[in-house]
Amino acid sequence: MLIAKVSLITKKMNTLDIPISEIEYYNFINNSDITVQDAFPNLSAPLREFLITGITPSEWESVFGKEDTTEDDEDDNIDFVGPADQIEYF
């Protein structure tokens, strides 16, 4: 299905051919209780992003760069602080 959306980055109208039916898209845009991930689990993340923001995969890459698919061991070393009521604020 051809879907046209205005990009939040460039403010240009973008159109992509998304492999979903008109009924699936209609049900998604008229149901605020469902996430794009739940509505379209078969779509790639870039196509789901387009449905939300109108940002095309090429626009995303030009602004944020290519997605890094390597694992970053540093993220595994983040300590959990605890519930907010246990944090001391100064």
PDB file of N, CA and C in Angstrom:
ATOM      1  N   MET A   1       0.847  -1.170   0.000  1.00  0.00           N
ATOM      2  CA  MET A   1       0.000   0.000   0.000  1.00  0.00           C
ATOM      3  C   MET A   1       0.894   1.235   0.000  1.00  0.00           C
ATOM      4  N   LEU A   2       0.606   2.184  -0.862  1.00  0.00           N
ATOM      5  CA  LEU A   2       1.347   3.445  -0.870  1.00  0.00           C
ATOM      6  C   LEU A   2       0.842   4.320   0.272  1.00  0.00           C
ATOM      7  N   ILE A   3       1.777   4.753   1.113  1.00  0.00           N
ATOM      8  CA  ILE A   3       1.431   5.601   2.246  1.00  0.00           C
ATOM      9  C   ILE A   3       2.271   6.857   2.164  1.00  0.00           C
ATOM     10  N   ALA A   4       1.607   8.006   2.265  1.00  0.00           N
ATOM     11  CA  ALA A   4       2.283   9.305   2.235  1.00  0.00           C
ATOM     12  C   ALA A   4       2.253   9.904   3.632  1.00  0.00           C
ATOM     13  N   LYS A   5       3.404  10.349   4.088  1.00  0.00           N
ATOM     14  CA  LYS A   5       3.527  10.980   5.405  1.00  0.00           C
ATOM     15  C   LYS A   5       4.499  12.148   5.289  1.00  0.00           C
ATOM     16  N   VAL A   6       4.316  13.145   6.126  1.00  0.00           N
ATOM     17  CA  VAL A   6       5.244  14.279   6.197  1.00  0.00           C
ATOM     18  C   VAL A   6       6.340  13.915   7.189  1.00  0.00           C
ATOM     19  N   SER A   7       7.582  14.043   6.753  1.00  0.00           N
ATOM     20  CA  SER A   7       8.740  13.726   7.594  1.00  0.00           C
ATOM     21  C   SER A   7       8.880  14.743   8.719  1.00  0.00           C
ATOM     22  N   LEU A   8       9.085  14.248   9.935  1.00  0.00           N
ATOM     23  CA  LEU A   8       9.339  15.147  11.059  1.00  0.00           C
ATOM     24  C   LEU A   8      10.710  15.811  10.958  1.00  0.00           C
ATOM     25  N   ILE A   9      11.601  15.254  10.147  1.00  0.00           N
ATOM     26  CA  ILE A   9      12.942  15.821   9.994  1.00  0.00           C
ATOM     27  C   ILE A   9      12.965  16.893   8.907  1.00  0.00           C
ATOM     28  N   THR A  10      12.517  16.536   7.717  1.00  0.00           N
ATOM     29  CA  THR A  10      12.653  17.442   6.577  1.00  0.00           C
ATOM     30  C   THR A  10      11.389  18.246   6.268  1.00  0.00           C
ATOM     31  N   LYS A  11      10.270  17.839   6.854  1.00  0.00           N
ATOM     32  CA  LYS A  11       8.960  18.467   6.600  1.00  0.00           C
ATOM     33  C   LYS A  11       8.499  18.251   5.161  1.00  0.00           C
ATOM     34  N   LYS A  12       9.142  17.309   4.458  1.00  0.00           N
ATOM     35  CA  LYS A  12       8.744  16.982   3.090  1.00  0.00           C
ATOM     36  C   LYS A  12       7.758  15.817   3.113  1.00  0.00           C
ATOM     37  N   MET A  13       6.893  15.761   2.113  1.00  0.00           N
ATOM     38  CA  MET A  13       5.976  14.643   1.952  1.00  0.00           C
ATOM     39  C   MET A  13       6.740  13.474   1.355  1.00  0.00           C
ATOM     40  N   ASN A  14       6.719  12.354   2.034  1.00  0.00           N
ATOM     41  CA  ASN A  14       7.375  11.135   1.560  1.00  0.00           C
ATOM     42  C   ASN A  14       6.316  10.074   1.319  1.00  0.00           C
ATOM     43  N   THR A  15       6.530   9.254   0.318  1.00  0.00           N
ATOM     44  CA  THR A  15       5.622   8.156   0.014  1.00  0.00           C
ATOM     45  C   THR A  15       6.421   6.869  -0.086  1.00  0.00           C
ATOM     46  N   LEU A  16       5.980   5.856   0.642  1.00  0.00           N
ATOM     47  CA  LEU A  16       6.612   4.545   0.577  1.00  0.00           C
ATOM     48  C   LEU A  16       5.543   3.491   0.305  1.00  0.00           C
ATOM     49  N   ASP A  17       5.956   2.441  -0.364  1.00  0.00           N
ATOM     50  CA  ASP A  17       5.079   1.298  -0.601  1.00  0.00           C
ATOM     51  C   ASP A  17       5.312   0.311   0.538  1.00  0.00           C
ATOM     52  N   ILE A  18       4.375   0.271   1.479  1.00  0.00           N
ATOM     53  CA  ILE A  18       4.487  -0.562   2.671  1.00  0.00           C
ATOM     54  C   ILE A  18       3.662  -1.833   2.450  1.00  0.00           C
ATOM     55  N   PRO A  19       4.215  -3.013   2.734  1.00  0.00           N
ATOM     56  CA  PRO A  19       3.487  -4.255   2.480  1.00  0.00           C
ATOM     57  C   PRO A  19       2.425  -4.566   3.550  1.00  0.00           C
ATOM     58  N   ILE A  20       1.400  -3.721   3.597  1.00  0.00           N
ATOM     59  CA  ILE A  20       0.263  -3.926   4.489  1.00  0.00           C
ATOM     60  C   ILE A  20      -1.007  -3.622   3.700  1.00  0.00           C
ATOM     61  N   SER A  21      -2.128  -4.087   4.217  1.00  0.00           N
ATOM     62  CA  SER A  21      -3.394  -3.828   3.538  1.00  0.00           C
ATOM     63  C   SER A  21      -3.997  -2.514   4.022  1.00  0.00           C
ATOM     64  N   GLU A  22      -4.938  -2.008   3.268  1.00  0.00           N
ATOM     65  CA  GLU A  22      -5.635  -0.785   3.666  1.00  0.00           C
ATOM     66  C   GLU A  22      -6.368  -0.993   4.977  1.00  0.00           C
ATOM     67  N   ILE A  23      -6.941  -2.154   5.174  1.00  0.00           N
ATOM     68  CA  ILE A  23      -7.675  -2.443   6.414  1.00  0.00           C
ATOM     69  C   ILE A  23      -6.727  -2.454   7.607  1.00  0.00           C
ATOM     70  N   GLU A  24      -5.552  -3.065   7.456  1.00  0.00           N
ATOM     71  CA  GLU A  24      -4.574  -3.088   8.542  1.00  0.00           C
ATOM     72  C   GLU A  24      -4.162  -1.662   8.921  1.00  0.00           C
ATOM     73  N   TYR A  25      -3.901  -0.832   7.909  1.00  0.00           N
ATOM     74  CA  TYR A  25      -3.485   0.545   8.178  1.00  0.00           C
ATOM     75  C   TYR A  25      -4.617   1.342   8.819  1.00  0.00           C
ATOM     76  N   TYR A  26      -5.821   1.197   8.299  1.00  0.00           N
ATOM     77  CA  TYR A  26      -6.983   1.895   8.860  1.00  0.00           C
ATOM     78  C   TYR A  26      -7.179   1.504  10.322  1.00  0.00           C
ATOM     79  N   ASN A  27      -7.093   0.211  10.616  1.00  0.00           N
ATOM     80  CA  ASN A  27      -7.258  -0.247  12.001  1.00  0.00           C
ATOM     81  C   ASN A  27      -6.173   0.323  12.907  1.00  0.00           C
ATOM     82  N   PHE A  28      -4.958   0.442  12.391  1.00  0.00           N
ATOM     83  CA  PHE A  28      -3.858   0.982  13.189  1.00  0.00           C
ATOM     84  C   PHE A  28      -4.065   2.466  13.494  1.00  0.00           C
ATOM     85  N   ILE A  29      -4.365   3.272  12.475  1.00  0.00           N
ATOM     86  CA  ILE A  29      -4.471   4.717  12.710  1.00  0.00           C
ATOM     87  C   ILE A  29      -5.726   5.090  13.492  1.00  0.00           C
ATOM     88  N   ASN A  30      -6.684   4.183  13.567  1.00  0.00           N
ATOM     89  CA  ASN A  30      -7.913   4.474  14.309  1.00  0.00           C
ATOM     90  C   ASN A  30      -7.983   3.756  15.655  1.00  0.00           C
ATOM     91  N   ASN A  31      -6.874   3.189  16.112  1.00  0.00           N
ATOM     92  CA  ASN A  31      -6.838   2.500  17.395  1.00  0.00           C
ATOM     93  C   ASN A  31      -5.603   2.967  18.160  1.00  0.00           C
ATOM     94  N   SER A  32      -5.797   3.865  19.092  1.00  0.00           N
ATOM     95  CA  SER A  32      -4.664   4.422  19.840  1.00  0.00           C
ATOM     96  C   SER A  32      -4.130   3.468  20.900  1.00  0.00           C
ATOM     97  N   ASP A  33      -4.796   2.335  21.109  1.00  0.00           N
ATOM     98  CA  ASP A  33      -4.359   1.378  22.125  1.00  0.00           C
ATOM     99  C   ASP A  33      -3.327   0.380  21.616  1.00  0.00           C
ATOM    100  N   ILE A  34      -3.045   0.399  20.323  1.00  0.00           N
ATOM    101  CA  ILE A  34      -2.119  -0.580  19.764  1.00  0.00           C
ATOM    102  C   ILE A  34      -0.838   0.112  19.312  1.00  0.00           C
ATOM    103  N   THR A  35       0.281  -0.531  19.620  1.00  0.00           N
ATOM    104  CA  THR A  35       1.570   0.019  19.188  1.00  0.00           C
ATOM    105  C   THR A  35       1.849  -0.416  17.758  1.00  0.00           C
ATOM    106  N   VAL A  36       2.720   0.309  17.098  1.00  0.00           N
ATOM    107  CA  VAL A  36       3.080  -0.041  15.721  1.00  0.00           C
ATOM    108  C   VAL A  36       3.777  -1.403  15.683  1.00  0.00           C
ATOM    109  N   GLN A  37       4.513  -1.737  16.756  1.00  0.00           N
ATOM    110  CA  GLN A  37       5.188  -3.036  16.808  1.00  0.00           C
ATOM    111  C   GLN A  37       4.168  -4.173  16.897  1.00  0.00           C
ATOM    112  N   ASP A  38       3.104  -3.958  17.659  1.00  0.00           N
ATOM    113  CA  ASP A  38       2.068  -4.984  17.780  1.00  0.00           C
ATOM    114  C   ASP A  38       1.201  -5.052  16.522  1.00  0.00           C
ATOM    115  N   ALA A  39       0.944  -3.919  15.917  1.00  0.00           N
ATOM    116  CA  ALA A  39       0.100  -3.884  14.726  1.00  0.00           C
ATOM    117  C   ALA A  39       0.801  -4.497  13.517  1.00  0.00           C
ATOM    118  N   PHE A  40       2.118  -4.273  13.413  1.00  0.00           N
ATOM    119  CA  PHE A  40       2.859  -4.726  12.234  1.00  0.00           C
ATOM    120  C   PHE A  40       4.165  -5.424  12.631  1.00  0.00           C
ATOM    121  N   PRO A  41       4.077  -6.560  13.306  1.00  0.00           N
ATOM    122  CA  PRO A  41       5.312  -7.240  13.733  1.00  0.00           C
ATOM    123  C   PRO A  41       6.157  -7.735  12.565  1.00  0.00           C
ATOM    124  N   ASN A  42       5.535  -7.885  11.391  1.00  0.00           N
ATOM    125  CA  ASN A  42       6.260  -8.372  10.215  1.00  0.00           C
ATOM    126  C   ASN A  42       7.052  -7.276   9.504  1.00  0.00           C
ATOM    127  N   LEU A  43       6.811  -6.008   9.833  1.00  0.00           N
ATOM    128  CA  LEU A  43       7.541  -4.909   9.185  1.00  0.00           C
ATOM    129  C   LEU A  43       8.881  -4.679   9.869  1.00  0.00           C
ATOM    130  N   SER A  44       9.833  -4.208   9.098  1.00  0.00           N
ATOM    131  CA  SER A  44      11.131  -3.844   9.666  1.00  0.00           C
ATOM    132  C   SER A  44      10.981  -2.585  10.511  1.00  0.00           C
ATOM    133  N   ALA A  45      11.919  -2.365  11.409  1.00  0.00           N
ATOM    134  CA  ALA A  45      11.892  -1.175  12.253  1.00  0.00           C
ATOM    135  C   ALA A  45      11.875   0.123  11.431  1.00  0.00           C
ATOM    136  N   PRO A  46      12.669   0.226  10.347  1.00  0.00           N
ATOM    137  CA  PRO A  46      12.614   1.462   9.550  1.00  0.00           C
ATOM    138  C   PRO A  46      11.242   1.730   8.933  1.00  0.00           C
ATOM    139  N   LEU A  47      10.548   0.681   8.500  1.00  0.00           N
ATOM    140  CA  LEU A  47       9.213   0.892   7.928  1.00  0.00           C
ATOM    141  C   LEU A  47       8.206   1.273   9.008  1.00  0.00           C
ATOM    142  N   ARG A  48       8.341   0.683  10.188  1.00  0.00           N
ATOM    143  CA  ARG A  48       7.456   1.073  11.303  1.00  0.00           C
ATOM    144  C   ARG A  48       7.731   2.522  11.708  1.00  0.00           C
ATOM    145  N   GLU A  49       9.010   2.924  11.688  1.00  0.00           N
ATOM    146  CA  GLU A  49       9.363   4.314  12.000  1.00  0.00           C
ATOM    147  C   GLU A  49       8.705   5.262  11.013  1.00  0.00           C
ATOM    148  N   PHE A  50       8.705   4.887   9.750  1.00  0.00           N
ATOM    149  CA  PHE A  50       8.058   5.711   8.740  1.00  0.00           C
ATOM    150  C   PHE A  50       6.577   5.887   9.050  1.00  0.00           C
ATOM    151  N   LEU A  51       5.906   4.824   9.458  1.00  0.00           N
ATOM    152  CA  LEU A  51       4.478   4.924   9.778  1.00  0.00           C
ATOM    153  C   LEU A  51       4.218   5.876  10.940  1.00  0.00           C
ATOM    154  N   ILE A  52       5.160   5.978  11.854  1.00  0.00           N
ATOM    155  CA  ILE A  52       4.997   6.851  13.025  1.00  0.00           C
ATOM    156  C   ILE A  52       5.391   8.291  12.702  1.00  0.00           C
ATOM    157  N   THR A  53       6.547   8.476  12.063  1.00  0.00           N
ATOM    158  CA  THR A  53       7.141   9.806  11.931  1.00  0.00           C
ATOM    159  C   THR A  53       7.228  10.345  10.510  1.00  0.00           C
ATOM    160  N   GLY A  54       7.026   9.476   9.529  1.00  0.00           N
ATOM    161  CA  GLY A  54       7.191   9.904   8.143  1.00  0.00           C
ATOM    162  C   GLY A  54       8.643   9.980   7.708  1.00  0.00           C
ATOM    163  N   ILE A  55       9.543   9.553   8.588  1.00  0.00           N
ATOM    164  CA  ILE A  55      10.974   9.580   8.273  1.00  0.00           C
ATOM    165  C   ILE A  55      11.321   8.326   7.471  1.00  0.00           C
ATOM    166  N   THR A  56      11.878   8.529   6.275  1.00  0.00           N
ATOM    167  CA  THR A  56      12.261   7.392   5.445  1.00  0.00           C
ATOM    168  C   THR A  56      13.562   6.788   5.964  1.00  0.00           C
ATOM    169  N   PRO A  57      13.832   5.546   5.612  1.00  0.00           N
ATOM    170  CA  PRO A  57      15.112   4.943   6.019  1.00  0.00           C
ATOM    171  C   PRO A  57      16.327   5.761   5.566  1.00  0.00           C
ATOM    172  N   SER A  58      16.283   6.331   4.364  1.00  0.00           N
ATOM    173  CA  SER A  58      17.433   7.113   3.890  1.00  0.00           C
ATOM    174  C   SER A  58      17.577   8.425   4.662  1.00  0.00           C
ATOM    175  N   GLU A  59      16.463   9.072   5.023  1.00  0.00           N
ATOM    176  CA  GLU A  59      16.545  10.286   5.843  1.00  0.00           C
ATOM    177  C   GLU A  59      17.137   9.959   7.210  1.00  0.00           C
ATOM    178  N   TRP A  60      16.690   8.854   7.801  1.00  0.00           N
ATOM    179  CA  TRP A  60      17.179   8.450   9.118  1.00  0.00           C
ATOM    180  C   TRP A  60      18.693   8.246   9.070  1.00  0.00           C
ATOM    181  N   GLU A  61      19.139   7.531   8.037  1.00  0.00           N
ATOM    182  CA  GLU A  61      20.559   7.256   7.908  1.00  0.00           C
ATOM    183  C   GLU A  61      21.366   8.533   7.690  1.00  0.00           C
ATOM    184  N   SER A  62      20.825   9.481   6.921  1.00  0.00           N
ATOM    185  CA  SER A  62      21.571  10.718   6.665  1.00  0.00           C
ATOM    186  C   SER A  62      21.694  11.572   7.919  1.00  0.00           C
ATOM    187  N   VAL A  63      20.738  11.480   8.820  1.00  0.00           N
ATOM    188  CA  VAL A  63      20.786  12.279  10.045  1.00  0.00           C
ATOM    189  C   VAL A  63      21.516  11.541  11.172  1.00  0.00           C
ATOM    190  N   PHE A  64      21.212  10.247  11.356  1.00  0.00           N
ATOM    191  CA  PHE A  64      21.728   9.507  12.503  1.00  0.00           C
ATOM    192  C   PHE A  64      22.810   8.496  12.162  1.00  0.00           C
ATOM    193  N   GLY A  65      23.097   8.302  10.878  1.00  0.00           N
ATOM    194  CA  GLY A  65      24.092   7.320  10.464  1.00  0.00           C
ATOM    195  C   GLY A  65      23.495   5.926  10.392  1.00  0.00           C
ATOM    196  N   LYS A  66      24.320   4.998   9.936  1.00  0.00           N
ATOM    197  CA  LYS A  66      23.873   3.608   9.841  1.00  0.00           C
ATOM    198  C   LYS A  66      23.714   3.035  11.236  1.00  0.00           C
ATOM    199  N   GLU A  67      22.764   2.104  11.352  1.00  0.00           N
ATOM    200  CA  GLU A  67      22.553   1.435  12.632  1.00  0.00           C
ATOM    201  C   GLU A  67      23.746   0.548  12.928  1.00  0.00           C
ATOM    202  N   ASP A  68      24.248   0.648  14.147  1.00  0.00           N
ATOM    203  CA  ASP A  68      25.370  -0.175  14.576  1.00  0.00           C
ATOM    204  C   ASP A  68      24.819  -1.519  15.045  1.00  0.00           C
ATOM    205  N   THR A  69      25.175  -2.575  14.348  1.00  0.00           N
ATOM    206  CA  THR A  69      24.655  -3.887  14.706  1.00  0.00           C
ATOM    207  C   THR A  69      25.631  -4.685  15.554  1.00  0.00           C
ATOM    208  N   THR A  70      26.788  -4.073  15.896  1.00  0.00           N
ATOM    209  CA  THR A  70      27.727  -4.768  16.763  1.00  0.00           C
ATOM    210  C   THR A  70      27.285  -4.590  18.203  1.00  0.00           C
ATOM    211  N   GLU A  71      27.598  -5.577  19.019  1.00  0.00           N
ATOM    212  CA  GLU A  71      27.218  -5.485  20.419  1.00  0.00           C
ATOM    213  C   GLU A  71      28.238  -4.637  21.157  1.00  0.00           C
ATOM    214  N   ASP A  72      27.741  -3.838  22.073  1.00  0.00           N
ATOM    215  CA  ASP A  72      28.586  -2.959  22.866  1.00  0.00           C
ATOM    216  C   ASP A  72      28.620  -3.496  24.291  1.00  0.00           C
ATOM    217  N   ASP A  73      29.759  -4.031  24.700  1.00  0.00           N
ATOM    218  CA  ASP A  73      29.881  -4.624  26.025  1.00  0.00           C
ATOM    219  C   ASP A  73      29.755  -3.599  27.136  1.00  0.00           C
ATOM    220  N   GLU A  74      30.034  -2.322  26.842  1.00  0.00           N
ATOM    221  CA  GLU A  74      29.948  -1.294  27.870  1.00  0.00           C
ATOM    222  C   GLU A  74      28.535  -1.149  28.403  1.00  0.00           C
ATOM    223  N   ASP A  75      27.525  -1.342  27.559  1.00  0.00           N
ATOM    224  CA  ASP A  75      26.142  -1.225  27.998  1.00  0.00           C
ATOM    225  C   ASP A  75      25.784  -2.295  29.011  1.00  0.00           C
ATOM    226  N   ASP A  76      26.481  -3.416  28.997  1.00  0.00           N
ATOM    227  CA  ASP A  76      26.203  -4.502  29.933  1.00  0.00           C
ATOM    228  C   ASP A  76      26.683  -4.173  31.340  1.00  0.00           C
ATOM    229  N   ASN A  77      27.501  -3.128  31.503  1.00  0.00           N
ATOM    230  CA  ASN A  77      28.071  -2.788  32.805  1.00  0.00           C
ATOM    231  C   ASN A  77      27.321  -1.676  33.515  1.00  0.00           C
ATOM    232  N   ILE A  78      26.109  -1.376  33.100  1.00  0.00           N
ATOM    233  CA  ILE A  78      25.318  -0.325  33.731  1.00  0.00           C
ATOM    234  C   ILE A  78      24.712  -0.869  35.012  1.00  0.00           C
ATOM    235  N   ASP A  79      24.912  -0.161  36.117  1.00  0.00           N
ATOM    236  CA  ASP A  79      24.369  -0.593  37.400  1.00  0.00           C
ATOM    237  C   ASP A  79      22.945  -0.098  37.563  1.00  0.00           C
ATOM    238  N   PHE A  80      22.102  -0.957  38.090  1.00  0.00           N
ATOM    239  CA  PHE A  80      20.730  -0.585  38.395  1.00  0.00           C
ATOM    240  C   PHE A  80      20.731   0.174  39.707  1.00  0.00           C
ATOM    241  N   VAL A  81      20.139   1.373  39.713  1.00  0.00           N
ATOM    242  CA  VAL A  81      20.139   2.219  40.902  1.00  0.00           C
ATOM    243  C   VAL A  81      19.052   1.784  41.864  1.00  0.00           C
ATOM    244  N   GLY A  82      17.896   1.491  41.384  1.00  0.00           N
ATOM    245  CA  GLY A  82      16.793   1.091  42.246  1.00  0.00           C
ATOM    246  C   GLY A  82      15.593   1.972  42.013  1.00  0.00           C
ATOM    247  N   PRO A  83      14.527   1.710  42.756  1.00  0.00           N
ATOM    248  CA  PRO A  83      13.311   2.518  42.608  1.00  0.00           C
ATOM    249  C   PRO A  83      13.575   3.991  42.889  1.00  0.00           C
ATOM    250  N   ALA A  84      12.795   4.826  42.255  1.00  0.00           N
ATOM    251  CA  ALA A  84      12.983   6.275  42.379  1.00  0.00           C
ATOM    252  C   ALA A  84      12.875   6.744  43.825  1.00  0.00           C
ATOM    253  N   ASP A  85      12.080   6.062  44.648  1.00  0.00           N
ATOM    254  CA  ASP A  85      11.931   6.516  46.035  1.00  0.00           C
ATOM    255  C   ASP A  85      13.174   6.213  46.872  1.00  0.00           C
ATOM    256  N   GLN A  86      14.136   5.474  46.332  1.00  0.00           N
ATOM    257  CA  GLN A  86      15.377   5.184  47.046  1.00  0.00           C
ATOM    258  C   GLN A  86      16.529   6.060  46.590  1.00  0.00           C
ATOM    259  N   ILE A  87      16.270   6.947  45.640  1.00  0.00           N
ATOM    260  CA  ILE A  87      17.312   7.818  45.107  1.00  0.00           C
ATOM    261  C   ILE A  87      17.312   9.121  45.889  1.00  0.00           C
ATOM    262  N   GLU A  88      18.486   9.559  46.316  1.00  0.00           N
ATOM    263  CA  GLU A  88      18.590  10.818  47.030  1.00  0.00           C
ATOM    264  C   GLU A  88      18.785  11.951  46.024  1.00  0.00           C
ATOM    265  N   TYR A  89      17.941  12.961  46.100  1.00  0.00           N
ATOM    266  CA  TYR A  89      18.049  14.102  45.217  1.00  0.00           C
ATOM    267  C   TYR A  89      18.645  15.265  45.999  1.00  0.00           C
ATOM    268  N   PHE A  90      19.548  16.002  45.372  1.00  0.00           N
ATOM    269  CA  PHE A  90      20.198  17.131  46.041  1.00  0.00           C
ATOM    270  C   PHE A  90      19.732  18.422  45.493  1.00  0.00           C
TER     271      PHE A  90
END
